Amino acid sequence: MDLGLSGKRVLVTGGSKGIGLACAESFAEAGCDIILASRDAAALTRAADAVRGKAQVKVETFAADLSTDAGRASLHAAHPDPDILVNNAGAIPGGRLSDIPMDRWRAAWDLKLLGYIHMCQLYLPGMEARKAGVICNIIGMAGRTPRMGYIAGCTANAALIAFTSALGGASVANGVRVFGINPAATRTDRMMTLARTNAKTQFGDEARWAETLTGLPFGRAIEPREIADLAAFLSSPRGGYVNGTVVDVDGGAMFR
């Protein structure tokens, strides 16, 4: 299927691994030039090589601490005008209210919650001036199904769901689409980290992490490319009426 994205420039934050890297590969296969951003320059180099192995497109990297205003501003100064922005940077720790000190709440929210908000604040005006552009926020199902064991993450995700819908409701007036995707458990390093935290919370033993992943729909976790391919489709003209929506991808687990 031709997505009509050839020649578009796509900026992916958190693009060195996991869902971010999968998004970069999917957009590259659709003919897009890619900008990968994260804090780890060496990981970005490896990721860029992986993307180039998928498609003959231009791949650039930018290393910055996206948990800071200065880091995000430096990214915008270097790459001010992508056609598509994929916000994906963020790793909020698991744990109950009493497990997470306030400095960890702030650090995690600076990267994901406030990071997404600031990135939109930086990039939306240019898109609106051009009367074209797409912002895709990779959020997370915990925002729909809050639980104490991931209280910092589910609270931030719920806020980003509301933020995405509110922003899309306004940006459409200037030809810009904003939507989100809520992945459930996805087969990444991040999933393993959370599984160990959940096991410690539930059983007092992080070595029992596998027990927290039983009963998944279809007997498996989501593959990163399933989220990435959805992001590419929804960002394309073929998904051109999707705006203000946050798509849940959980295999129907919410209704079981």
C-alpha atoms as a PDB file:
ATOM      1  CA  MET A   1       0.000   0.000   0.000  1.00  0.00           C
ATOM      2  CA  ASP A   2       1.364   3.407  -0.986  1.00  0.00           C
ATOM      3  CA  LEU A   3       0.878   5.684   2.022  1.00  0.00           C
ATOM      4  CA  GLY A   4       1.631   8.842   0.083  1.00  0.00           C
ATOM      5  CA  LEU A   5       4.441   9.774   2.478  1.00  0.00           C
ATOM      6  CA  SER A   6       7.430   9.671   0.126  1.00  0.00           C
ATOM      7  CA  GLY A   7       9.724  12.635   0.677  1.00  0.00           C
ATOM      8  CA  LYS A   8       8.196  13.672   4.008  1.00  0.00           C
ATOM      9  CA  ARG A   9      10.519  14.482   6.914  1.00  0.00           C
ATOM     10  CA  VAL A  10       9.735  12.693  10.173  1.00  0.00           C
ATOM     11  CA  LEU A  11      11.198  13.542  13.572  1.00  0.00           C
ATOM     12  CA  VAL A  12      11.062  10.691  16.099  1.00  0.00           C
ATOM     13  CA  THR A  13      11.997  11.321  19.713  1.00  0.00           C
ATOM     14  CA  GLY A  14      13.146   8.360  21.746  1.00  0.00           C
ATOM     15  CA  GLY A  15      14.155   7.005  18.367  1.00  0.00           C
ATOM     16  CA  SER A  16      17.164   4.895  19.283  1.00  0.00           C
ATOM     17  CA  LYS A  17      15.290   1.739  20.333  1.00  0.00           C
ATOM     18  CA  GLY A  18      11.934   0.101  20.948  1.00  0.00           C
ATOM     19  CA  ILE A  19       8.802   1.670  19.517  1.00  0.00           C
ATOM     20  CA  GLY A  20      10.699   4.785  18.436  1.00  0.00           C
ATOM     21  CA  LEU A  21      13.165   2.838  16.311  1.00  0.00           C
ATOM     22  CA  ALA A  22      10.327   0.741  14.886  1.00  0.00           C
ATOM     23  CA  CYS A  23       8.504   3.963  13.933  1.00  0.00           C
ATOM     24  CA  ALA A  24      11.606   5.237  12.182  1.00  0.00           C
ATOM     25  CA  GLU A  25      11.897   2.011  10.195  1.00  0.00           C
ATOM     26  CA  SER A  26       8.223   2.027   9.220  1.00  0.00           C
ATOM     27  CA  PHE A  27       8.277   5.645   8.049  1.00  0.00           C
ATOM     28  CA  ALA A  28      11.554   5.038   6.201  1.00  0.00           C
ATOM     29  CA  GLU A  29      10.029   2.104   4.339  1.00  0.00           C
ATOM     30  CA  ALA A  30       7.227   4.487   3.312  1.00  0.00           C
ATOM     31  CA  GLY A  31       9.834   6.760   1.731  1.00  0.00           C
ATOM     32  CA  CYS A  32      10.298   9.331   4.501  1.00  0.00           C
ATOM     33  CA  ASP A  33      13.537  10.973   5.539  1.00  0.00           C
ATOM     34  CA  ILE A  34      14.138  10.457   9.242  1.00  0.00           C
ATOM     35  CA  ILE A  35      15.491  12.494  12.141  1.00  0.00           C
ATOM     36  CA  LEU A  36      16.203  10.412  15.243  1.00  0.00           C
ATOM     37  CA  ALA A  37      16.535  12.130  18.614  1.00  0.00           C
ATOM     38  CA  SER A  38      17.505  10.779  22.030  1.00  0.00           C
ATOM     39  CA  ARG A  39      20.177  11.424  24.632  1.00  0.00           C
ATOM     40  CA  ASP A  40      22.504   8.529  23.696  1.00  0.00           C
ATOM     41  CA  ALA A  41      24.674   9.417  20.686  1.00  0.00           C
ATOM     42  CA  ALA A  42      26.137   5.922  20.319  1.00  0.00           C
ATOM     43  CA  ALA A  43      22.698   4.292  20.384  1.00  0.00           C
ATOM     44  CA  LEU A  44      21.484   6.819  17.814  1.00  0.00           C
ATOM     45  CA  THR A  45      24.330   5.881  15.480  1.00  0.00           C
ATOM     46  CA  ARG A  46      23.391   2.206  15.710  1.00  0.00           C
ATOM     47  CA  ALA A  47      19.726   3.023  15.181  1.00  0.00           C
ATOM     48  CA  ALA A  48      20.473   5.177  12.139  1.00  0.00           C
ATOM     49  CA  ASP A  49      22.445   2.330  10.587  1.00  0.00           C
ATOM     50  CA  ALA A  50      19.505  -0.009  11.208  1.00  0.00           C
ATOM     51  CA  VAL A  51      17.081   2.399   9.528  1.00  0.00           C
ATOM     52  CA  ARG A  52      19.385   2.856   6.532  1.00  0.00           C
ATOM     53  CA  GLY A  53      19.394  -0.909   6.209  1.00  0.00           C
ATOM     54  CA  LYS A  54      15.620  -0.816   5.712  1.00  0.00           C
ATOM     55  CA  ALA A  55      15.367   1.902   3.055  1.00  0.00           C
ATOM     56  CA  GLN A  56      17.431   4.267   0.942  1.00  0.00           C
ATOM     57  CA  VAL A  57      16.419   7.452   2.728  1.00  0.00           C
ATOM     58  CA  LYS A  58      18.214  10.254   4.518  1.00  0.00           C
ATOM     59  CA  VAL A  59      18.670   9.557   8.222  1.00  0.00           C
ATOM     60  CA  GLU A  60      19.941  12.211  10.617  1.00  0.00           C
ATOM     61  CA  THR A  61      20.510  12.017  14.354  1.00  0.00           C
ATOM     62  CA  PHE A  62      20.456  14.552  17.151  1.00  0.00           C
ATOM     63  CA  ALA A  63      21.636  13.761  20.670  1.00  0.00           C
ATOM     64  CA  ALA A  64      20.109  15.874  23.436  1.00  0.00           C
ATOM     65  CA  ASP A  65      18.616  15.529  26.881  1.00  0.00           C
ATOM     66  CA  LEU A  66      14.943  15.848  26.012  1.00  0.00           C
ATOM     67  CA  SER A  67      13.969  16.018  29.666  1.00  0.00           C
ATOM     68  CA  THR A  68      15.158  19.649  29.682  1.00  0.00           C
ATOM     69  CA  ASP A  69      13.746  22.771  28.074  1.00  0.00           C
ATOM     70  CA  ALA A  70      17.200  23.550  26.689  1.00  0.00           C
ATOM     71  CA  GLY A  71      17.592  20.117  25.125  1.00  0.00           C
ATOM     72  CA  ARG A  72      14.228  20.309  23.398  1.00  0.00           C
ATOM     73  CA  ALA A  73      14.890  23.868  22.239  1.00  0.00           C
ATOM     74  CA  SER A  74      18.236  22.814  20.764  1.00  0.00           C
ATOM     75  CA  LEU A  75      16.512  20.037  18.821  1.00  0.00           C
ATOM     76  CA  HIS A  76      13.958  22.488  17.472  1.00  0.00           C
ATOM     77  CA  ALA A  77      16.686  24.947  16.485  1.00  0.00           C
ATOM     78  CA  ALA A  78      18.535  22.240  14.556  1.00  0.00           C
ATOM     79  CA  HIS A  79      15.450  20.659  12.948  1.00  0.00           C
ATOM     80  CA  PRO A  80      12.614  23.203  12.994  1.00  0.00           C
ATOM     81  CA  ASP A  81      10.331  22.006  10.229  1.00  0.00           C
ATOM     82  CA  PRO A  82       9.551  18.273  10.038  1.00  0.00           C
ATOM     83  CA  ASP A  83       6.329  17.312   8.311  1.00  0.00           C
ATOM     84  CA  ILE A  84       5.555  14.757  11.019  1.00  0.00           C
ATOM     85  CA  LEU A  85       6.528  14.738  14.691  1.00  0.00           C
ATOM     86  CA  VAL A  86       6.399  11.463  16.615  1.00  0.00           C
ATOM     87  CA  ASN A  87       6.668  12.084  20.353  1.00  0.00           C
ATOM     88  CA  ASN A  88       7.935   8.883  21.915  1.00  0.00           C
ATOM     89  CA  ALA A  89      10.639   9.802  24.449  1.00  0.00           C
ATOM     90  CA  GLY A  90       9.812   8.795  27.985  1.00  0.00           C
ATOM     91  CA  ALA A  91      10.277   6.071  30.581  1.00  0.00           C
ATOM     92  CA  ILE A  92       8.198   6.547  33.711  1.00  0.00           C
ATOM     93  CA  PRO A  93       9.087   4.177  36.574  1.00  0.00           C
ATOM     94  CA  GLY A  94       6.689   1.640  37.935  1.00  0.00           C
ATOM     95  CA  GLY A  95       5.768   1.512  41.598  1.00  0.00           C
ATOM     96  CA  ARG A  96       3.134   2.530  44.114  1.00  0.00           C
ATOM     97  CA  LEU A  97       2.648   6.034  45.496  1.00  0.00           C
ATOM     98  CA  SER A  98       4.942   5.372  48.451  1.00  0.00           C
ATOM     99  CA  ASP A  99       7.648   3.787  46.275  1.00  0.00           C
ATOM    100  CA  ILE A 100       8.497   6.792  44.110  1.00  0.00           C
ATOM    101  CA  PRO A 101      10.191   9.839  45.631  1.00  0.00           C
ATOM    102  CA  MET A 102       9.144  13.227  44.303  1.00  0.00           C
ATOM    103  CA  ASP A 103      12.402  13.801  42.445  1.00  0.00           C
ATOM    104  CA  ARG A 104      11.687  10.649  40.388  1.00  0.00           C
ATOM    105  CA  TRP A 105       8.150  11.871  39.641  1.00  0.00           C
ATOM    106  CA  ARG A 106       9.564  15.181  38.413  1.00  0.00           C
ATOM    107  CA  ALA A 107      12.347  13.613  36.353  1.00  0.00           C
ATOM    108  CA  ALA A 108       9.977  11.175  34.645  1.00  0.00           C
ATOM    109  CA  TRP A 109       7.335  13.800  33.945  1.00  0.00           C
ATOM    110  CA  ASP A 110       9.948  16.266  32.673  1.00  0.00           C
ATOM    111  CA  LEU A 111      10.804  13.790  29.924  1.00  0.00           C
ATOM    112  CA  LYS A 112       7.417  12.413  28.945  1.00  0.00           C
ATOM    113  CA  LEU A 113       4.508  14.558  30.133  1.00  0.00           C
ATOM    114  CA  LEU A 114       6.136  17.980  30.028  1.00  0.00           C
ATOM    115  CA  GLY A 115       8.439  16.868  27.224  1.00  0.00           C
ATOM    116  CA  TYR A 116       5.537  16.048  24.897  1.00  0.00           C
ATOM    117  CA  ILE A 117       3.776  19.275  25.825  1.00  0.00           C
ATOM    118  CA  HIS A 118       6.874  21.380  25.166  1.00  0.00           C
ATOM    119  CA  MET A 119       7.635  19.612  21.872  1.00  0.00           C
ATOM    120  CA  CYS A 120       4.116  20.398  20.684  1.00  0.00           C
ATOM    121  CA  GLN A 121       4.517  23.972  21.868  1.00  0.00           C
ATOM    122  CA  LEU A 122       7.718  24.242  19.821  1.00  0.00           C
ATOM    123  CA  TYR A 123       6.597  22.508  16.625  1.00  0.00           C
ATOM    124  CA  LEU A 124       2.884  23.233  16.296  1.00  0.00           C
ATOM    125  CA  PRO A 125       3.235  26.946  15.390  1.00  0.00           C
ATOM    126  CA  GLY A 126       5.408  26.159  12.367  1.00  0.00           C
ATOM    127  CA  MET A 127       3.017  23.482  11.177  1.00  0.00           C
ATOM    128  CA  GLU A 128       0.065  25.815  11.595  1.00  0.00           C
ATOM    129  CA  ALA A 129       1.891  28.528   9.658  1.00  0.00           C
ATOM    130  CA  ARG A 130       2.436  26.039   6.812  1.00  0.00           C
ATOM    131  CA  LYS A 131      -1.175  24.825   7.117  1.00  0.00           C
ATOM    132  CA  ALA A 132       0.116  21.255   7.158  1.00  0.00           C
ATOM    133  CA  GLY A 133       1.623  18.804   9.575  1.00  0.00           C
ATOM    134  CA  VAL A 134       0.980  15.825  11.816  1.00  0.00           C
ATOM    135  CA  ILE A 135       1.840  15.182  15.451  1.00  0.00           C
ATOM    136  CA  CYS A 136       1.622  11.600  16.734  1.00  0.00           C
ATOM    137  CA  ASN A 137       1.913  11.107  20.490  1.00  0.00           C
ATOM    138  CA  ILE A 138       2.834   7.590  21.627  1.00  0.00           C
ATOM    139  CA  ILE A 139       1.207   7.502  25.066  1.00  0.00           C
ATOM    140  CA  GLY A 140       0.165   4.226  26.744  1.00  0.00           C
ATOM    141  CA  MET A 141      -2.843   2.178  27.829  1.00  0.00           C
ATOM    142  CA  ALA A 142      -2.172   2.880  31.494  1.00  0.00           C
ATOM    143  CA  GLY A 143      -3.844   6.227  30.910  1.00  0.00           C
ATOM    144  CA  ARG A 144      -7.111   4.366  30.251  1.00  0.00           C
ATOM    145  CA  THR A 145      -6.685   1.654  32.879  1.00  0.00           C
ATOM    146  CA  PRO A 146      -5.045   3.283  35.922  1.00  0.00           C
ATOM    147  CA  ARG A 147      -3.575   1.146  38.677  1.00  0.00           C
ATOM    148  CA  MET A 148      -1.620   1.867  41.824  1.00  0.00           C
ATOM    149  CA  GLY A 149       1.388  -0.197  40.732  1.00  0.00           C
ATOM    150  CA  TYR A 150       2.103   2.244  37.891  1.00  0.00           C
ATOM    151  CA  ILE A 151       0.642   5.379  39.403  1.00  0.00           C
ATOM    152  CA  ALA A 152       3.192   7.851  38.026  1.00  0.00           C
ATOM    153  CA  GLY A 153       2.837   6.496  34.505  1.00  0.00           C
ATOM    154  CA  CYS A 154      -0.932   6.164  34.402  1.00  0.00           C
ATOM    155  CA  THR A 155      -1.373   9.694  35.742  1.00  0.00           C
ATOM    156  CA  ALA A 156       0.962  11.181  33.128  1.00  0.00           C
ATOM    157  CA  ASN A 157      -0.620   9.136  30.346  1.00  0.00           C
ATOM    158  CA  ALA A 158      -4.128  10.216  31.315  1.00  0.00           C
ATOM    159  CA  ALA A 159      -2.986  13.825  31.130  1.00  0.00           C
ATOM    160  CA  LEU A 160      -1.435  13.270  27.691  1.00  0.00           C
ATOM    161  CA  ILE A 161      -4.622  11.663  26.390  1.00  0.00           C
ATOM    162  CA  ALA A 162      -6.566  14.778  27.373  1.00  0.00           C
ATOM    163  CA  PHE A 163      -3.835  17.057  26.032  1.00  0.00           C
ATOM    164  CA  THR A 164      -3.753  15.284  22.665  1.00  0.00           C
ATOM    165  CA  SER A 165      -7.509  15.475  22.186  1.00  0.00           C
ATOM    166  CA  ALA A 166      -7.658  19.135  23.210  1.00  0.00           C
ATOM    167  CA  LEU A 167      -4.797  20.045  20.894  1.00  0.00           C
ATOM    168  CA  GLY A 168      -6.281  18.180  17.944  1.00  0.00           C
ATOM    169  CA  GLY A 169      -9.606  19.880  18.476  1.00  0.00           C
ATOM    170  CA  ALA A 170      -7.943  23.261  17.981  1.00  0.00           C
ATOM    171  CA  SER A 171      -5.198  22.482  15.443  1.00  0.00           C
ATOM    172  CA  VAL A 172      -7.620  21.273  12.774  1.00  0.00           C
ATOM    173  CA  ALA A 173      -8.540  24.913  12.114  1.00  0.00           C
ATOM    174  CA  ASN A 174      -5.025  25.392  10.725  1.00  0.00           C
ATOM    175  CA  GLY A 175      -4.730  22.145   8.792  1.00  0.00           C
ATOM    176  CA  VAL A 176      -2.701  20.241  11.391  1.00  0.00           C
ATOM    177  CA  ARG A 177      -3.661  16.832  12.776  1.00  0.00           C
ATOM    178  CA  VAL A 178      -2.783  15.670  16.285  1.00  0.00           C
ATOM    179  CA  PHE A 179      -3.551  12.134  17.448  1.00  0.00           C
ATOM    180  CA  GLY A 180      -2.213   9.559  19.864  1.00  0.00           C
ATOM    181  CA  ILE A 181      -1.659   5.833  20.205  1.00  0.00           C
ATOM    182  CA  ASN A 182      -1.978   3.924  23.485  1.00  0.00           C
ATOM    183  CA  PRO A 183       0.108   0.743  23.336  1.00  0.00           C
ATOM    184  CA  ALA A 184      -0.419  -1.930  25.967  1.00  0.00           C
ATOM    185  CA  ALA A 185       2.436  -4.318  26.836  1.00  0.00           C
ATOM    186  CA  THR A 186       4.879  -4.111  23.926  1.00  0.00           C
ATOM    187  CA  ARG A 187       7.910  -6.370  23.449  1.00  0.00           C
ATOM    188  CA  THR A 188      10.692  -3.936  24.306  1.00  0.00           C
ATOM    189  CA  ASP A 189      13.390  -3.573  26.959  1.00  0.00           C
ATOM    190  CA  ARG A 190      11.009  -1.187  28.682  1.00  0.00           C
ATOM    191  CA  MET A 191       8.399  -3.950  29.055  1.00  0.00           C
ATOM    192  CA  MET A 192      10.929  -6.117  30.864  1.00  0.00           C
ATOM    193  CA  THR A 193      11.861  -3.299  33.228  1.00  0.00           C
ATOM    194  CA  LEU A 194       8.225  -2.709  34.136  1.00  0.00           C
ATOM    195  CA  ALA A 195       7.571  -6.444  34.483  1.00  0.00           C
ATOM    196  CA  ARG A 196      10.352  -6.719  37.061  1.00  0.00           C
ATOM    197  CA  THR A 197       9.011  -3.700  38.948  1.00  0.00           C
ATOM    198  CA  ASN A 198       5.492  -5.146  38.900  1.00  0.00           C
ATOM    199  CA  ALA A 199       6.791  -8.477  40.188  1.00  0.00           C
ATOM    200  CA  LYS A 200       8.527  -6.763  43.075  1.00  0.00           C
ATOM    201  CA  THR A 201       5.325  -4.854  43.884  1.00  0.00           C
ATOM    202  CA  GLN A 202       3.027  -7.888  43.626  1.00  0.00           C
ATOM    203  CA  PHE A 203       5.229 -10.696  44.897  1.00  0.00           C
ATOM    204  CA  GLY A 204       8.170  -9.017  46.598  1.00  0.00           C
ATOM    205  CA  ASP A 205      10.480 -10.727  44.089  1.00  0.00           C
ATOM    206  CA  GLU A 206      11.402  -9.207  40.731  1.00  0.00           C
ATOM    207  CA  ALA A 207      12.675 -12.598  39.536  1.00  0.00           C
ATOM    208  CA  ARG A 208       8.992 -13.590  39.159  1.00  0.00           C
ATOM    209  CA  TRP A 209       8.526 -11.050  36.323  1.00  0.00           C
ATOM    210  CA  ALA A 210       7.210 -13.667  33.872  1.00  0.00           C
ATOM    211  CA  GLU A 211       4.145 -14.185  36.078  1.00  0.00           C
ATOM    212  CA  THR A 212       3.086 -10.577  35.451  1.00  0.00           C
ATOM    213  CA  LEU A 213       2.876 -11.187  31.698  1.00  0.00           C
ATOM    214  CA  THR A 214       0.541 -14.180  31.691  1.00  0.00           C
ATOM    215  CA  GLY A 215      -2.935 -13.917  30.233  1.00  0.00           C
ATOM    216  CA  LEU A 216      -2.076 -11.396  27.521  1.00  0.00           C
ATOM    217  CA  PRO A 217      -4.539 -11.270  24.594  1.00  0.00           C
ATOM    218  CA  PHE A 218      -3.543 -13.701  21.838  1.00  0.00           C
ATOM    219  CA  GLY A 219      -0.922 -15.097  24.218  1.00  0.00           C
ATOM    220  CA  ARG A 220       1.714 -12.499  23.408  1.00  0.00           C
ATOM    221  CA  ALA A 221       2.860  -8.917  23.796  1.00  0.00           C
ATOM    222  CA  ILE A 222       2.488  -6.346  21.024  1.00  0.00           C
ATOM    223  CA  GLU A 223       5.325  -6.175  18.512  1.00  0.00           C
ATOM    224  CA  PRO A 224       6.868  -2.683  18.194  1.00  0.00           C
ATOM    225  CA  ARG A 225       6.243  -2.689  14.446  1.00  0.00           C
ATOM    226  CA  GLU A 226       2.510  -3.112  15.038  1.00  0.00           C
ATOM    227  CA  ILE A 227       2.497   0.248  16.800  1.00  0.00           C
ATOM    228  CA  ALA A 228       4.895   1.767  14.286  1.00  0.00           C
ATOM    229  CA  ASP A 229       2.924   0.680  11.229  1.00  0.00           C
ATOM    230  CA  LEU A 230      -0.236   2.098  12.774  1.00  0.00           C
ATOM    231  CA  ALA A 231       1.564   5.387  13.432  1.00  0.00           C
ATOM    232  CA  ALA A 232       2.720   5.574   9.813  1.00  0.00           C
ATOM    233  CA  PHE A 233      -0.738   4.781   8.434  1.00  0.00           C
ATOM    234  CA  LEU A 234      -2.511   7.293  10.666  1.00  0.00           C
ATOM    235  CA  SER A 235       0.090   9.957   9.838  1.00  0.00           C
ATOM    236  CA  SER A 236      -0.463   9.439   6.115  1.00  0.00           C
ATOM    237  CA  PRO A 237      -3.160  10.878   3.855  1.00  0.00           C
ATOM    238  CA  ARG A 238      -4.905   7.492   4.141  1.00  0.00           C
ATOM    239  CA  GLY A 239      -5.583   8.356   7.774  1.00  0.00           C
ATOM    240  CA  GLY A 240      -6.299  11.958   6.945  1.00  0.00           C
ATOM    241  CA  TYR A 241      -9.530  12.285   8.944  1.00  0.00           C
ATOM    242  CA  VAL A 242      -8.044  10.974  12.172  1.00  0.00           C
ATOM    243  CA  ASN A 243      -7.563  13.937  14.485  1.00  0.00           C
ATOM    244  CA  GLY A 244      -7.901  14.465  18.230  1.00  0.00           C
ATOM    245  CA  THR A 245      -8.301  10.706  18.596  1.00  0.00           C
ATOM    246  CA  VAL A 246      -6.179   8.471  20.822  1.00  0.00           C
ATOM    247  CA  VAL A 247      -6.252   4.899  19.510  1.00  0.00           C
ATOM    248  CA  ASP A 248      -6.123   2.103  22.099  1.00  0.00           C
ATOM    249  CA  VAL A 249      -4.054  -0.938  21.115  1.00  0.00           C
ATOM    250  CA  ASP A 250      -4.488  -3.602  23.780  1.00  0.00           C
ATOM    251  CA  GLY A 251      -5.910  -6.633  22.004  1.00  0.00           C
ATOM    252  CA  GLY A 252      -9.252  -6.019  23.690  1.00  0.00           C
ATOM    253  CA  ALA A 253      -7.847  -6.516  27.189  1.00  0.00           C
ATOM    254  CA  MET A 254      -9.766  -3.538  28.548  1.00  0.00           C
ATOM    255  CA  PHE A 255     -13.043  -5.341  27.830  1.00  0.00           C
ATOM    256  CA  ARG A 256     -12.169  -8.762  29.230  1.00  0.00           C
END
